[in-house]
Every structure is written in C-alpha cells, then in structure tokens.
Amino acid sequence: MLKTKVTEMLGIKYPIFCGNMMNISYPSFAAACSNTGALGILASVMYRKPEPLREALHELQALTDKPYAVNVNLFPMLKPVKQIDLVKAMIEEGVKIIETSGHEAPDKYIPLFKKNDIIWIHKCAGVRYAKKAALLGADIVEVVGWENGGATGRYDIGTIVLTPATIDALEIPVVAGGGISDGRGVAAVLALGAQAALIGTRLLTTQECPIHDNLKKALINTNIYDTTLIMRSLNATHRVWNNEAAKLVLELENSKSDQMEIFNVAAGAKSKLMYEEGDLTSGIISVGQGIGLIHDIPTVKDLIDRIMMEANDIIQNLYNS
C-alpha cells in the first residue's frame, strides 16, 4: 500500500482524489469513490442553497463512513450563489475536508476554515496560484496540468512540468492531476514528488457515474486527439470533448459572437440534458486528453483497485531494477 503525507492527513487508503465534476459528483457517486479508499468529492454548487446541500450531505454521510471532501466552486457563474451560506452549512453538518477551486482565492472563508479545524485543499492551474493559496494557509494544494479536462488555466503548462515546479515552490503537500487515467499516471506524479494523484475524466466511464450509457459508450471510443479547448477568447479556457456543441462554441468564438451566446451553448443545463437523456450533441462535457486511454466501463472499486495495483507494480519494479 502506498502511504503518503496526504493519505495520512486525510485518513484515506489510496493516494487518489476523485475529481469534483459539476452535475456528476452527487452524493452516491462521491460515496462510491470514498468507499474504494480514495477521496470522493461532492460538488456543492449544484445545490445552490443550504437546505438542499444539507440533504445531500446527509445522503452522502449515510452512504459512506470513509473520508470525503466538499468542493466550493469559485468560478464565475451566470447565476451566482451565496457561497458563504453553503460553507456554513457544510461546517454545521460536520464536513472536515473542503476543496476550493476557481478564479479567485477564498479569502472570506479562510477564517471559518481555521476556526473549525477544516482541512483546506485548494485546486488551481498554476504555480503563482498555488503559492498564493499556501500563503493564505491552505493545507494541501492540487495543481492540474494542460492535459486536464475542464479549466486549464492561462499558461498551458503540462502536468510533467507543472507538478515539480509547484512542489519546488511550496512547503505543503501537492496533489497533481491532468491526463491521469491509469496506474502509470499515478506512479508518474508520485515519482515527480506529488503526494496523491487527481483523477477525473477516467471516472466518467464507470458503472456508478451518473451519466447516460450513450455518453459512456461514446467516450470509450474516443482517442487522445478528441478534445478541444473552448472559451479561450473569454479568458475561461476549458478542455472538452470535441463534439458538435464544442464545435459550435468554437465557431461562435471565431466569429466574435456575443459572450452570452457562447455561454448559452456551453451552459451546464445543456450538459445536464446530455448526461440524463444521452443526446450527444446537446451540450459540452469536460474531458482531459487521457480520454484516449480509456477502453472499458468498470465499477469504481474495480477501477481504483486496478489503478493502485498497477501503480504499485510499476514502483516495485523500478525499485527492484
């Protein structure tokens, strides 16, 4: 078993974070991830108000007795939510690990984190942002390289460079993600000095993932070239599956269309429609370049066990060679 500073801090069996995903990381899915020994993460922004979030936390807590985290989304939103109320609800419901992510530092929430002994994890896509989070008191920083699905940041730095650069700049533990789909990727970021690996895209094609089977089957038939970057013109670059909706976003960007028209095509409501009804053209879905390494639809437990067995074998073989 691979023990690291992060597994010991969080009380998890495996050095794997199961990436937070909007309209996907519901209680049942987060619990399935945590029950494997990895860290499951609930997406709080889906609930928008404290009471629905409390209900989701109760459901999650009933489904797992293992550590889990809750994400606080600080990205710009068409319909902003009052995040401070969500954070207070998390703390009142006994959440002990909070992950923040987005375009801004969570300055206003940090006193609450510290007062209530919350383990605060900040996710970002650049060394400068990681340094800022560490300076503000983050306990762990996650960094995601350019291969990552979803927000890729401004600098287009790959995981193999961003990971050691961030580790060199910080004194707190670093978790690394971006393109990790199997045990080779986990072993690689651990070798670079990360204390855990962040995995998102690979979890989309698991049996418990709450997206339509049409979408899962389409994703396992993609290759490493089937992603694209959208919304760069809006300073909100995201890596997504290169489907019809993504192509339309790029066409609108190239024709310098109104940003609201672009956001409407990329809206989460349309992605949710694709997840629920299986219409592969109706919305976008964030996926990393590691999508081309995915070829089956296992249970979350079988996947995480397989990834860790492969990572252990690779590390042991390197040690013995």
C-alpha atoms as a PDB file:
ATOM      1  CA  MET A   1       0.000   0.000   0.000  1.00  0.00           C
ATOM      2  CA  LEU A   2       1.299   3.462  -0.904  1.00  0.00           C
ATOM      3  CA  LYS A   3       1.256   5.774   2.099  1.00  0.00           C
ATOM      4  CA  THR A   4       1.987   9.483   1.686  1.00  0.00           C
ATOM      5  CA  LYS A   5       1.646  12.662   3.714  1.00  0.00           C
ATOM      6  CA  VAL A   6      -1.759  13.218   2.124  1.00  0.00           C
ATOM      7  CA  THR A   7      -3.131   9.736   2.842  1.00  0.00           C
ATOM      8  CA  GLU A   8      -2.086  10.184   6.465  1.00  0.00           C
ATOM      9  CA  MET A   9      -3.507  13.729   6.749  1.00  0.00           C
ATOM     10  CA  LEU A  10      -6.876  12.725   5.300  1.00  0.00           C
ATOM     11  CA  GLY A  11      -7.139   9.163   6.597  1.00  0.00           C
ATOM     12  CA  ILE A  12      -7.601   7.672   3.120  1.00  0.00           C
ATOM     13  CA  LYS A  13      -6.312   4.303   1.937  1.00  0.00           C
ATOM     14  CA  TYR A  14      -5.095   5.342  -1.516  1.00  0.00           C
ATOM     15  CA  PRO A  15      -3.304   8.496  -2.734  1.00  0.00           C
ATOM     16  CA  ILE A  16      -6.088   9.281  -5.194  1.00  0.00           C
ATOM     17  CA  PHE A  17      -8.522  12.197  -5.315  1.00  0.00           C
ATOM     18  CA  CYS A  18     -11.647  11.585  -7.404  1.00  0.00           C
ATOM     19  CA  GLY A  19     -12.112  14.876  -9.182  1.00  0.00           C
ATOM     20  CA  ASN A  20     -15.123  17.077  -8.485  1.00  0.00           C
ATOM     21  CA  MET A  21     -17.397  17.357 -11.535  1.00  0.00           C
ATOM     22  CA  MET A  22     -20.445  19.601 -11.907  1.00  0.00           C
ATOM     23  CA  ASN A  23     -23.758  17.751 -12.367  1.00  0.00           C
ATOM     24  CA  ILE A  24     -21.932  14.440 -11.827  1.00  0.00           C
ATOM     25  CA  SER A  25     -20.397  14.458  -8.338  1.00  0.00           C
ATOM     26  CA  TYR A  26     -23.638  13.711  -6.499  1.00  0.00           C
ATOM     27  CA  PRO A  27     -23.678  12.019  -3.059  1.00  0.00           C
ATOM     28  CA  SER A  28     -23.980   8.473  -4.416  1.00  0.00           C
ATOM     29  CA  PHE A  29     -21.030   8.937  -6.778  1.00  0.00           C
ATOM     30  CA  ALA A  30     -18.847  10.726  -4.228  1.00  0.00           C
ATOM     31  CA  ALA A  31     -19.618   7.960  -1.717  1.00  0.00           C
ATOM     32  CA  ALA A  32     -18.766   5.243  -4.248  1.00  0.00           C
ATOM     33  CA  CYS A  33     -15.384   6.923  -4.725  1.00  0.00           C
ATOM     34  CA  SER A  34     -14.726   7.288  -0.990  1.00  0.00           C
ATOM     35  CA  ASN A  35     -15.722   3.684  -0.327  1.00  0.00           C
ATOM     36  CA  THR A  36     -12.871   2.491  -2.563  1.00  0.00           C
ATOM     37  CA  GLY A  37     -10.308   4.126  -0.271  1.00  0.00           C
ATOM     38  CA  ALA A  38      -9.814   7.174  -2.495  1.00  0.00           C
ATOM     39  CA  LEU A  39     -11.140  10.655  -1.638  1.00  0.00           C
ATOM     40  CA  GLY A  40     -14.619  11.297  -3.031  1.00  0.00           C
ATOM     41  CA  ILE A  41     -15.601  14.938  -3.532  1.00  0.00           C
ATOM     42  CA  LEU A  42     -19.157  16.316  -3.525  1.00  0.00           C
ATOM     43  CA  ALA A  43     -19.983  19.269  -5.825  1.00  0.00           C
ATOM     44  CA  SER A  44     -21.779  21.730  -3.534  1.00  0.00           C
ATOM     45  CA  VAL A  45     -22.658  24.327  -6.175  1.00  0.00           C
ATOM     46  CA  MET A  46     -25.290  22.024  -7.695  1.00  0.00           C
ATOM     47  CA  TYR A  47     -27.478  22.626  -4.651  1.00  0.00           C
ATOM     48  CA  ARG A  48     -27.236  26.435  -4.667  1.00  0.00           C
ATOM     49  CA  LYS A  49     -28.881  26.874  -1.219  1.00  0.00           C
ATOM     50  CA  PRO A  50     -28.092  25.494   2.251  1.00  0.00           C
ATOM     51  CA  GLU A  51     -31.082  23.191   2.773  1.00  0.00           C
ATOM     52  CA  PRO A  52     -30.676  21.091  -0.415  1.00  0.00           C
ATOM     53  CA  LEU A  53     -26.962  20.910   0.356  1.00  0.00           C
ATOM     54  CA  ARG A  54     -27.682  19.677   3.876  1.00  0.00           C
ATOM     55  CA  GLU A  55     -29.912  16.953   2.432  1.00  0.00           C
ATOM     56  CA  ALA A  56     -27.143  15.928   0.033  1.00  0.00           C
ATOM     57  CA  LEU A  57     -24.625  15.778   2.880  1.00  0.00           C
ATOM     58  CA  HIS A  58     -26.970  13.614   4.939  1.00  0.00           C
ATOM     59  CA  GLU A  59     -27.294  11.254   1.969  1.00  0.00           C
ATOM     60  CA  LEU A  60     -23.536  11.138   1.471  1.00  0.00           C
ATOM     61  CA  GLN A  61     -22.889  10.505   5.157  1.00  0.00           C
ATOM     62  CA  ALA A  62     -25.409   7.652   5.119  1.00  0.00           C
ATOM     63  CA  LEU A  63     -23.616   6.020   2.184  1.00  0.00           C
ATOM     64  CA  THR A  64     -20.040   6.110   3.459  1.00  0.00           C
ATOM     65  CA  ASP A  65     -18.135   6.153   6.709  1.00  0.00           C
ATOM     66  CA  LYS A  66     -14.915   6.999   4.869  1.00  0.00           C
ATOM     67  CA  PRO A  67     -13.376  10.469   4.468  1.00  0.00           C
ATOM     68  CA  TYR A  68     -14.867  12.710   1.792  1.00  0.00           C
ATOM     69  CA  ALA A  69     -14.477  16.341   0.740  1.00  0.00           C
ATOM     70  CA  VAL A  70     -16.892  19.003  -0.469  1.00  0.00           C
ATOM     71  CA  ASN A  71     -15.999  21.419  -3.256  1.00  0.00           C
ATOM     72  CA  VAL A  72     -16.643  25.173  -3.134  1.00  0.00           C
ATOM     73  CA  ASN A  73     -16.822  26.490  -6.702  1.00  0.00           C
ATOM     74  CA  LEU A  74     -15.362  29.995  -7.116  1.00  0.00           C
ATOM     75  CA  PHE A  75     -15.586  30.177 -10.903  1.00  0.00           C
ATOM     76  CA  PRO A  76     -17.736  32.945 -12.446  1.00  0.00           C
ATOM     77  CA  MET A  77     -21.408  31.926 -12.782  1.00  0.00           C
ATOM     78  CA  LEU A  78     -24.310  33.223 -14.824  1.00  0.00           C
ATOM     79  CA  LYS A  79     -26.417  32.832 -11.676  1.00  0.00           C
ATOM     80  CA  PRO A  80     -24.086  33.285  -8.692  1.00  0.00           C
ATOM     81  CA  VAL A  81     -24.807  31.525  -5.417  1.00  0.00           C
ATOM     82  CA  LYS A  82     -24.193  32.807  -1.894  1.00  0.00           C
ATOM     83  CA  GLN A  83     -21.187  30.613  -1.173  1.00  0.00           C
ATOM     84  CA  ILE A  84     -20.721  31.724   2.419  1.00  0.00           C
ATOM     85  CA  ASP A  85     -24.086  30.201   3.316  1.00  0.00           C
ATOM     86  CA  LEU A  86     -23.083  26.912   1.683  1.00  0.00           C
ATOM     87  CA  VAL A  87     -19.759  26.890   3.545  1.00  0.00           C
ATOM     88  CA  LYS A  88     -21.507  27.487   6.869  1.00  0.00           C
ATOM     89  CA  ALA A  89     -23.923  24.637   6.132  1.00  0.00           C
ATOM     90  CA  MET A  90     -21.021  22.293   5.349  1.00  0.00           C
ATOM     91  CA  ILE A  91     -19.327  23.094   8.640  1.00  0.00           C
ATOM     92  CA  GLU A  92     -22.564  22.735  10.620  1.00  0.00           C
ATOM     93  CA  GLU A  93     -23.127  19.311   9.035  1.00  0.00           C
ATOM     94  CA  GLY A  94     -19.709  18.043  10.101  1.00  0.00           C
ATOM     95  CA  VAL A  95     -17.686  18.373   6.903  1.00  0.00           C
ATOM     96  CA  LYS A  96     -13.981  18.197   7.766  1.00  0.00           C
ATOM     97  CA  ILE A  97     -12.344  18.495   4.328  1.00  0.00           C
ATOM     98  CA  ILE A  98     -13.179  21.365   1.958  1.00  0.00           C
ATOM     99  CA  GLU A  99     -11.779  21.827  -1.528  1.00  0.00           C
ATOM    100  CA  THR A 100     -11.918  25.245  -3.197  1.00  0.00           C
ATOM    101  CA  SER A 101     -11.421  25.890  -6.905  1.00  0.00           C
ATOM    102  CA  GLY A 102     -11.894  28.770  -9.307  1.00  0.00           C
ATOM    103  CA  HIS A 103     -10.628  32.154 -10.444  1.00  0.00           C
ATOM    104  CA  GLU A 104     -10.242  33.682  -7.002  1.00  0.00           C
ATOM    105  CA  ALA A 105      -8.784  32.857  -3.614  1.00  0.00           C
ATOM    106  CA  PRO A 106     -11.354  32.056  -0.904  1.00  0.00           C
ATOM    107  CA  ASP A 107     -10.156  34.831   1.415  1.00  0.00           C
ATOM    108  CA  LYS A 108     -13.515  35.385   3.125  1.00  0.00           C
ATOM    109  CA  TYR A 109     -13.888  31.694   4.043  1.00  0.00           C
ATOM    110  CA  ILE A 110     -10.424  31.068   5.444  1.00  0.00           C
ATOM    111  CA  PRO A 111     -11.232  32.283   8.998  1.00  0.00           C
ATOM    112  CA  LEU A 112     -14.145  29.809   9.056  1.00  0.00           C
ATOM    113  CA  PHE A 113     -11.860  27.003   7.874  1.00  0.00           C
ATOM    114  CA  LYS A 114      -9.279  27.749  10.548  1.00  0.00           C
ATOM    115  CA  LYS A 115     -11.774  28.297  13.364  1.00  0.00           C
ATOM    116  CA  ASN A 116     -13.429  24.935  12.692  1.00  0.00           C
ATOM    117  CA  ASP A 117     -10.277  22.850  12.062  1.00  0.00           C
ATOM    118  CA  ILE A 118     -11.180  22.247   8.435  1.00  0.00           C
ATOM    119  CA  ILE A 119      -8.544  20.689   6.209  1.00  0.00           C
ATOM    120  CA  TRP A 120      -8.496  23.180   3.343  1.00  0.00           C
ATOM    121  CA  ILE A 121      -7.444  21.989  -0.120  1.00  0.00           C
ATOM    122  CA  HIS A 122      -7.125  24.495  -2.966  1.00  0.00           C
ATOM    123  CA  LYS A 123      -7.197  23.414  -6.615  1.00  0.00           C
ATOM    124  CA  CYS A 124      -5.547  25.581  -9.262  1.00  0.00           C
ATOM    125  CA  ALA A 125      -3.713  25.506 -12.601  1.00  0.00           C
ATOM    126  CA  GLY A 126      -0.538  27.490 -11.968  1.00  0.00           C
ATOM    127  CA  VAL A 127       2.401  27.871  -9.597  1.00  0.00           C
ATOM    128  CA  ARG A 128       1.561  31.500  -8.754  1.00  0.00           C
ATOM    129  CA  TYR A 129      -1.944  30.490  -7.616  1.00  0.00           C
ATOM    130  CA  ALA A 130      -0.588  27.573  -5.616  1.00  0.00           C
ATOM    131  CA  LYS A 131       1.848  29.901  -3.846  1.00  0.00           C
ATOM    132  CA  LYS A 132      -0.964  32.330  -3.029  1.00  0.00           C
ATOM    133  CA  ALA A 133      -3.082  29.530  -1.549  1.00  0.00           C
ATOM    134  CA  ALA A 134      -0.185  28.269   0.541  1.00  0.00           C
ATOM    135  CA  LEU A 135       0.483  31.807   1.788  1.00  0.00           C
ATOM    136  CA  LEU A 136      -3.165  32.102   2.818  1.00  0.00           C
ATOM    137  CA  GLY A 137      -2.950  28.891   4.824  1.00  0.00           C
ATOM    138  CA  ALA A 138      -4.026  26.031   2.548  1.00  0.00           C
ATOM    139  CA  ASP A 139      -3.174  22.622   3.987  1.00  0.00           C
ATOM    140  CA  ILE A 140      -2.880  20.921   0.574  1.00  0.00           C
ATOM    141  CA  VAL A 141      -2.718  22.282  -2.962  1.00  0.00           C
ATOM    142  CA  GLU A 142      -3.937  20.481  -6.080  1.00  0.00           C
ATOM    143  CA  VAL A 143      -2.439  21.503  -9.421  1.00  0.00           C
ATOM    144  CA  VAL A 144      -3.748  20.411 -12.805  1.00  0.00           C
ATOM    145  CA  GLY A 145      -1.726  20.470 -15.992  1.00  0.00           C
ATOM    146  CA  TRP A 146      -2.785  21.478 -19.501  1.00  0.00           C
ATOM    147  CA  GLU A 147      -3.915  17.902 -20.302  1.00  0.00           C
ATOM    148  CA  ASN A 148      -6.648  18.320 -17.713  1.00  0.00           C
ATOM    149  CA  GLY A 149     -10.356  18.247 -18.522  1.00  0.00           C
ATOM    150  CA  GLY A 150     -12.252  21.422 -17.626  1.00  0.00           C
ATOM    151  CA  ALA A 151     -10.442  24.627 -16.667  1.00  0.00           C
ATOM    152  CA  THR A 152      -6.849  24.543 -17.936  1.00  0.00           C
ATOM    153  CA  GLY A 153      -5.699  27.944 -16.682  1.00  0.00           C
ATOM    154  CA  ARG A 154      -3.817  30.581 -18.649  1.00  0.00           C
ATOM    155  CA  TYR A 155      -0.340  29.198 -19.108  1.00  0.00           C
ATOM    156  CA  ASP A 156      -0.661  25.882 -20.996  1.00  0.00           C
ATOM    157  CA  ILE A 157       1.882  24.074 -18.795  1.00  0.00           C
ATOM    158  CA  GLY A 158       1.726  20.266 -18.823  1.00  0.00           C
ATOM    159  CA  THR A 159       1.499  18.093 -15.726  1.00  0.00           C
ATOM    160  CA  ILE A 160       5.038  16.728 -16.006  1.00  0.00           C
ATOM    161  CA  VAL A 161       6.467  20.260 -15.654  1.00  0.00           C
ATOM    162  CA  LEU A 162       3.817  21.936 -13.511  1.00  0.00           C
ATOM    163  CA  THR A 163       3.974  19.270 -10.794  1.00  0.00           C
ATOM    164  CA  PRO A 164       7.674  19.537  -9.852  1.00  0.00           C
ATOM    165  CA  ALA A 165       7.640  23.313 -10.363  1.00  0.00           C
ATOM    166  CA  THR A 166       4.823  23.609  -7.822  1.00  0.00           C
ATOM    167  CA  ILE A 167       6.470  21.206  -5.396  1.00  0.00           C
ATOM    168  CA  ASP A 168       9.706  23.209  -5.573  1.00  0.00           C
ATOM    169  CA  ALA A 169       7.789  26.397  -4.754  1.00  0.00           C
ATOM    170  CA  LEU A 170       5.811  25.099  -1.753  1.00  0.00           C
ATOM    171  CA  GLU A 171       6.377  23.503   1.622  1.00  0.00           C
ATOM    172  CA  ILE A 172       2.902  21.952   1.884  1.00  0.00           C
ATOM    173  CA  PRO A 173       1.808  18.714   0.158  1.00  0.00           C
ATOM    174  CA  VAL A 174       0.914  18.869  -3.530  1.00  0.00           C
ATOM    175  CA  VAL A 175      -1.628  16.697  -5.362  1.00  0.00           C
ATOM    176  CA  ALA A 176      -1.243  16.552  -9.147  1.00  0.00           C
ATOM    177  CA  GLY A 177      -3.698  15.903 -11.961  1.00  0.00           C
ATOM    178  CA  GLY A 178      -4.075  16.234 -15.699  1.00  0.00           C
ATOM    179  CA  GLY A 179      -4.220  13.283 -18.083  1.00  0.00           C
ATOM    180  CA  ILE A 180      -4.080  10.571 -15.401  1.00  0.00           C
ATOM    181  CA  SER A 181      -6.143   7.567 -16.469  1.00  0.00           C
ATOM    182  CA  ASP A 182      -4.309   4.555 -15.040  1.00  0.00           C
ATOM    183  CA  GLY A 183      -1.630   3.353 -12.654  1.00  0.00           C
ATOM    184  CA  ARG A 184       1.130   4.636 -14.920  1.00  0.00           C
ATOM    185  CA  GLY A 185      -0.115   8.182 -14.430  1.00  0.00           C
ATOM    186  CA  VAL A 186      -0.403   7.753 -10.665  1.00  0.00           C
ATOM    187  CA  ALA A 187       3.131   6.333 -10.451  1.00  0.00           C
ATOM    188  CA  ALA A 188       4.396   9.178 -12.635  1.00  0.00           C
ATOM    189  CA  VAL A 189       3.086  12.040 -10.482  1.00  0.00           C
ATOM    190  CA  LEU A 190       4.206  10.298  -7.300  1.00  0.00           C
ATOM    191  CA  ALA A 191       7.670   9.985  -8.847  1.00  0.00           C
ATOM    192  CA  LEU A 192       7.548  13.731  -9.567  1.00  0.00           C
ATOM    193  CA  GLY A 193       7.001  14.356  -5.859  1.00  0.00           C
ATOM    194  CA  ALA A 194       3.217  14.666  -5.613  1.00  0.00           C
ATOM    195  CA  GLN A 195       1.589  13.166  -2.525  1.00  0.00           C
ATOM    196  CA  ALA A 196      -1.504  11.976  -4.418  1.00  0.00           C
ATOM    197  CA  ALA A 197      -2.980  11.920  -7.908  1.00  0.00           C
ATOM    198  CA  LEU A 198      -6.149  13.706  -9.019  1.00  0.00           C
ATOM    199  CA  ILE A 199      -8.292  11.637 -11.419  1.00  0.00           C
ATOM    200  CA  GLY A 200     -11.399  12.989 -13.118  1.00  0.00           C
ATOM    201  CA  THR A 201     -12.011  12.002 -16.730  1.00  0.00           C
ATOM    202  CA  ARG A 202     -11.307   8.306 -16.133  1.00  0.00           C
ATOM    203  CA  LEU A 203     -14.170   8.146 -13.640  1.00  0.00           C
ATOM    204  CA  LEU A 204     -16.728   9.202 -16.259  1.00  0.00           C
ATOM    205  CA  THR A 205     -16.769   5.711 -17.733  1.00  0.00           C
ATOM    206  CA  THR A 206     -17.511   3.809 -14.558  1.00  0.00           C
ATOM    207  CA  GLN A 207     -20.726   1.971 -13.818  1.00  0.00           C
ATOM    208  CA  GLU A 208     -21.688   4.280 -10.943  1.00  0.00           C
ATOM    209  CA  CYS A 209     -21.057   7.528 -12.809  1.00  0.00           C
ATOM    210  CA  PRO A 210     -24.462   9.226 -13.279  1.00  0.00           C
ATOM    211  CA  ILE A 211     -24.206   9.960 -16.999  1.00  0.00           C
ATOM    212  CA  HIS A 212     -26.134   8.263 -19.807  1.00  0.00           C
ATOM    213  CA  ASP A 213     -24.822   4.979 -21.220  1.00  0.00           C
ATOM    214  CA  ASN A 214     -24.810   6.549 -24.713  1.00  0.00           C
ATOM    215  CA  LEU A 215     -22.247   9.048 -23.493  1.00  0.00           C
ATOM    216  CA  LYS A 216     -20.122   6.451 -21.710  1.00  0.00           C
ATOM    217  CA  LYS A 217     -20.010   4.292 -24.849  1.00  0.00           C
ATOM    218  CA  ALA A 218     -19.090   7.293 -26.989  1.00  0.00           C
ATOM    219  CA  LEU A 219     -16.278   8.300 -24.638  1.00  0.00           C
ATOM    220  CA  ILE A 220     -14.610   4.867 -24.597  1.00  0.00           C
ATOM    221  CA  ASN A 221     -14.437   5.052 -28.389  1.00  0.00           C
ATOM    222  CA  THR A 222     -12.512   8.337 -28.465  1.00  0.00           C
ATOM    223  CA  ASN A 223      -8.771   8.835 -28.870  1.00  0.00           C
ATOM    224  CA  ILE A 224      -6.204  11.262 -27.466  1.00  0.00           C
ATOM    225  CA  TYR A 225      -6.966  13.774 -30.248  1.00  0.00           C
ATOM    226  CA  ASP A 226     -10.687  14.048 -29.482  1.00  0.00           C
ATOM    227  CA  THR A 227     -10.569  17.008 -27.097  1.00  0.00           C
ATOM    228  CA  THR A 228     -10.524  20.707 -27.843  1.00  0.00           C
ATOM    229  CA  LEU A 229     -10.080  23.994 -25.984  1.00  0.00           C
ATOM    230  CA  ILE A 230     -13.060  26.339 -25.861  1.00  0.00           C
ATOM    231  CA  MET A 231     -13.807  29.741 -24.304  1.00  0.00           C
ATOM    232  CA  ARG A 232     -10.184  30.876 -24.507  1.00  0.00           C
ATOM    233  CA  SER A 233     -11.442  34.158 -26.002  1.00  0.00           C
ATOM    234  CA  LEU A 234     -13.427  34.712 -22.787  1.00  0.00           C
ATOM    235  CA  ASN A 235     -10.433  34.049 -20.538  1.00  0.00           C
ATOM    236  CA  ALA A 236     -12.174  30.901 -19.296  1.00  0.00           C
ATOM    237  CA  THR A 237     -10.371  28.180 -21.239  1.00  0.00           C
ATOM    238  CA  HIS A 238     -11.824  24.693 -20.840  1.00  0.00           C
ATOM    239  CA  ARG A 239     -10.775  21.386 -22.356  1.00  0.00           C
ATOM    240  CA  VAL A 240     -13.824  19.435 -23.529  1.00  0.00           C
ATOM    241  CA  TRP A 241     -14.852  16.544 -25.742  1.00  0.00           C
ATOM    242  CA  ASN A 242     -14.824  17.742 -29.345  1.00  0.00           C
ATOM    243  CA  ASN A 243     -18.494  17.070 -30.108  1.00  0.00           C
ATOM    244  CA  GLU A 244     -20.955  19.180 -32.108  1.00  0.00           C
ATOM    245  CA  ALA A 245     -21.683  21.544 -29.217  1.00  0.00           C
ATOM    246  CA  ALA A 246     -17.966  22.213 -28.690  1.00  0.00           C
ATOM    247  CA  LYS A 247     -17.506  22.884 -32.410  1.00  0.00           C
ATOM    248  CA  LEU A 248     -20.384  25.363 -32.291  1.00  0.00           C
ATOM    249  CA  VAL A 249     -18.757  27.195 -29.356  1.00  0.00           C
ATOM    250  CA  LEU A 250     -15.529  27.493 -31.366  1.00  0.00           C
ATOM    251  CA  GLU A 251     -17.431  28.787 -34.395  1.00  0.00           C
ATOM    252  CA  LEU A 252     -19.096  31.434 -32.233  1.00  0.00           C
ATOM    253  CA  GLU A 253     -15.758  32.427 -30.732  1.00  0.00           C
ATOM    254  CA  ASN A 254     -14.110  32.678 -34.149  1.00  0.00           C
ATOM    255  CA  SER A 255     -16.941  34.889 -35.401  1.00  0.00           C
ATOM    256  CA  LYS A 256     -16.622  37.069 -32.271  1.00  0.00           C
ATOM    257  CA  SER A 257     -20.198  36.416 -31.206  1.00  0.00           C
ATOM    258  CA  ASP A 258     -21.678  37.885 -28.045  1.00  0.00           C
ATOM    259  CA  GLN A 259     -20.319  36.123 -24.969  1.00  0.00           C
ATOM    260  CA  MET A 260     -23.816  35.349 -23.689  1.00  0.00           C
ATOM    261  CA  GLU A 261     -24.491  33.432 -26.897  1.00  0.00           C
ATOM    262  CA  ILE A 262     -21.329  31.428 -26.279  1.00  0.00           C
ATOM    263  CA  PHE A 263     -22.164  30.788 -22.636  1.00  0.00           C
ATOM    264  CA  ASN A 264     -25.666  29.653 -23.584  1.00  0.00           C
ATOM    265  CA  VAL A 265     -24.276  26.905 -25.825  1.00  0.00           C
ATOM    266  CA  ALA A 266     -21.827  25.851 -23.098  1.00  0.00           C
ATOM    267  CA  ALA A 267     -24.406  26.108 -20.299  1.00  0.00           C
ATOM    268  CA  GLY A 268     -24.439  23.476 -17.594  1.00  0.00           C
ATOM    269  CA  ALA A 269     -28.164  22.896 -18.145  1.00  0.00           C
ATOM    270  CA  LYS A 270     -27.466  21.650 -21.658  1.00  0.00           C
ATOM    271  CA  SER A 271     -24.683  19.398 -20.414  1.00  0.00           C
ATOM    272  CA  LYS A 272     -27.058  18.009 -17.811  1.00  0.00           C
ATOM    273  CA  LEU A 273     -29.525  17.215 -20.612  1.00  0.00           C
ATOM    274  CA  MET A 274     -26.812  15.229 -22.373  1.00  0.00           C
ATOM    275  CA  TYR A 275     -25.965  13.370 -19.165  1.00  0.00           C
ATOM    276  CA  GLU A 276     -29.585  12.475 -18.445  1.00  0.00           C
ATOM    277  CA  GLU A 277     -31.020  11.825 -21.921  1.00  0.00           C
ATOM    278  CA  GLY A 278     -27.971  10.716 -23.879  1.00  0.00           C
ATOM    279  CA  ASP A 279     -28.254  13.320 -26.668  1.00  0.00           C
ATOM    280  CA  LEU A 280     -24.569  13.579 -27.568  1.00  0.00           C
ATOM    281  CA  THR A 281     -24.958  16.898 -29.394  1.00  0.00           C
ATOM    282  CA  SER A 282     -26.903  18.882 -26.815  1.00  0.00           C
ATOM    283  CA  GLY A 283     -24.103  20.053 -24.536  1.00  0.00           C
ATOM    284  CA  ILE A 284     -20.409  20.008 -23.739  1.00  0.00           C
ATOM    285  CA  ILE A 285     -18.574  17.718 -21.336  1.00  0.00           C
ATOM    286  CA  SER A 286     -15.177  18.440 -19.808  1.00  0.00           C
ATOM    287  CA  VAL A 287     -12.673  15.690 -20.535  1.00  0.00           C
ATOM    288  CA  GLY A 288      -8.890  15.554 -20.465  1.00  0.00           C
ATOM    289  CA  GLN A 289      -6.523  14.162 -23.066  1.00  0.00           C
ATOM    290  CA  GLY A 290      -6.381  10.966 -21.019  1.00  0.00           C
ATOM    291  CA  ILE A 291      -9.800  10.105 -22.501  1.00  0.00           C
ATOM    292  CA  GLY A 292      -7.915   8.300 -25.260  1.00  0.00           C
ATOM    293  CA  LEU A 293      -6.523   5.823 -22.720  1.00  0.00           C
ATOM    294  CA  ILE A 294      -9.955   4.644 -21.581  1.00  0.00           C
ATOM    295  CA  HIS A 295     -11.432   1.465 -23.038  1.00  0.00           C
ATOM    296  CA  ASP A 296     -13.909  -0.053 -20.558  1.00  0.00           C
ATOM    297  CA  ILE A 297     -16.669   0.684 -18.041  1.00  0.00           C
ATOM    298  CA  PRO A 298     -15.729  -0.968 -14.715  1.00  0.00           C
ATOM    299  CA  THR A 299     -17.138  -0.317 -11.251  1.00  0.00           C
ATOM    300  CA  VAL A 300     -15.407   2.486  -9.378  1.00  0.00           C
ATOM    301  CA  LYS A 301     -13.970  -0.041  -6.925  1.00  0.00           C
ATOM    302  CA  ASP A 302     -12.571  -2.274  -9.653  1.00  0.00           C
ATOM    303  CA  LEU A 303     -11.077   0.747 -11.388  1.00  0.00           C
ATOM    304  CA  ILE A 304      -9.379   2.217  -8.304  1.00  0.00           C
ATOM    305  CA  ASP A 305      -8.103  -1.200  -7.180  1.00  0.00           C
ATOM    306  CA  ARG A 306      -6.719  -1.839 -10.665  1.00  0.00           C
ATOM    307  CA  ILE A 307      -5.058   1.572 -10.862  1.00  0.00           C
ATOM    308  CA  MET A 308      -3.391   1.118  -7.488  1.00  0.00           C
ATOM    309  CA  MET A 309      -2.232  -2.428  -8.279  1.00  0.00           C
ATOM    310  CA  GLU A 310      -0.670  -1.163 -11.495  1.00  0.00           C
ATOM    311  CA  ALA A 311       0.978   1.806  -9.743  1.00  0.00           C
ATOM    312  CA  ASN A 312       2.358  -0.450  -7.003  1.00  0.00           C
ATOM    313  CA  ASP A 313       3.749  -2.906  -9.559  1.00  0.00           C
ATOM    314  CA  ILE A 314       5.441  -0.119 -11.520  1.00  0.00           C
ATOM    315  CA  ILE A 315       7.034   1.389  -8.427  1.00  0.00           C
ATOM    316  CA  GLN A 316       8.132  -2.017  -7.135  1.00  0.00           C
ATOM    317  CA  ASN A 317       9.665  -2.952 -10.490  1.00  0.00           C
ATOM    318  CA  LEU A 318      11.571   0.329 -10.607  1.00  0.00           C
ATOM    319  CA  TYR A 319      12.778  -0.243  -7.063  1.00  0.00           C
ATOM    320  CA  ASN A 320      13.960  -3.778  -7.880  1.00  0.00           C
ATOM    321  CA  SER A 321      15.583  -2.986 -11.235  1.00  0.00           C
END
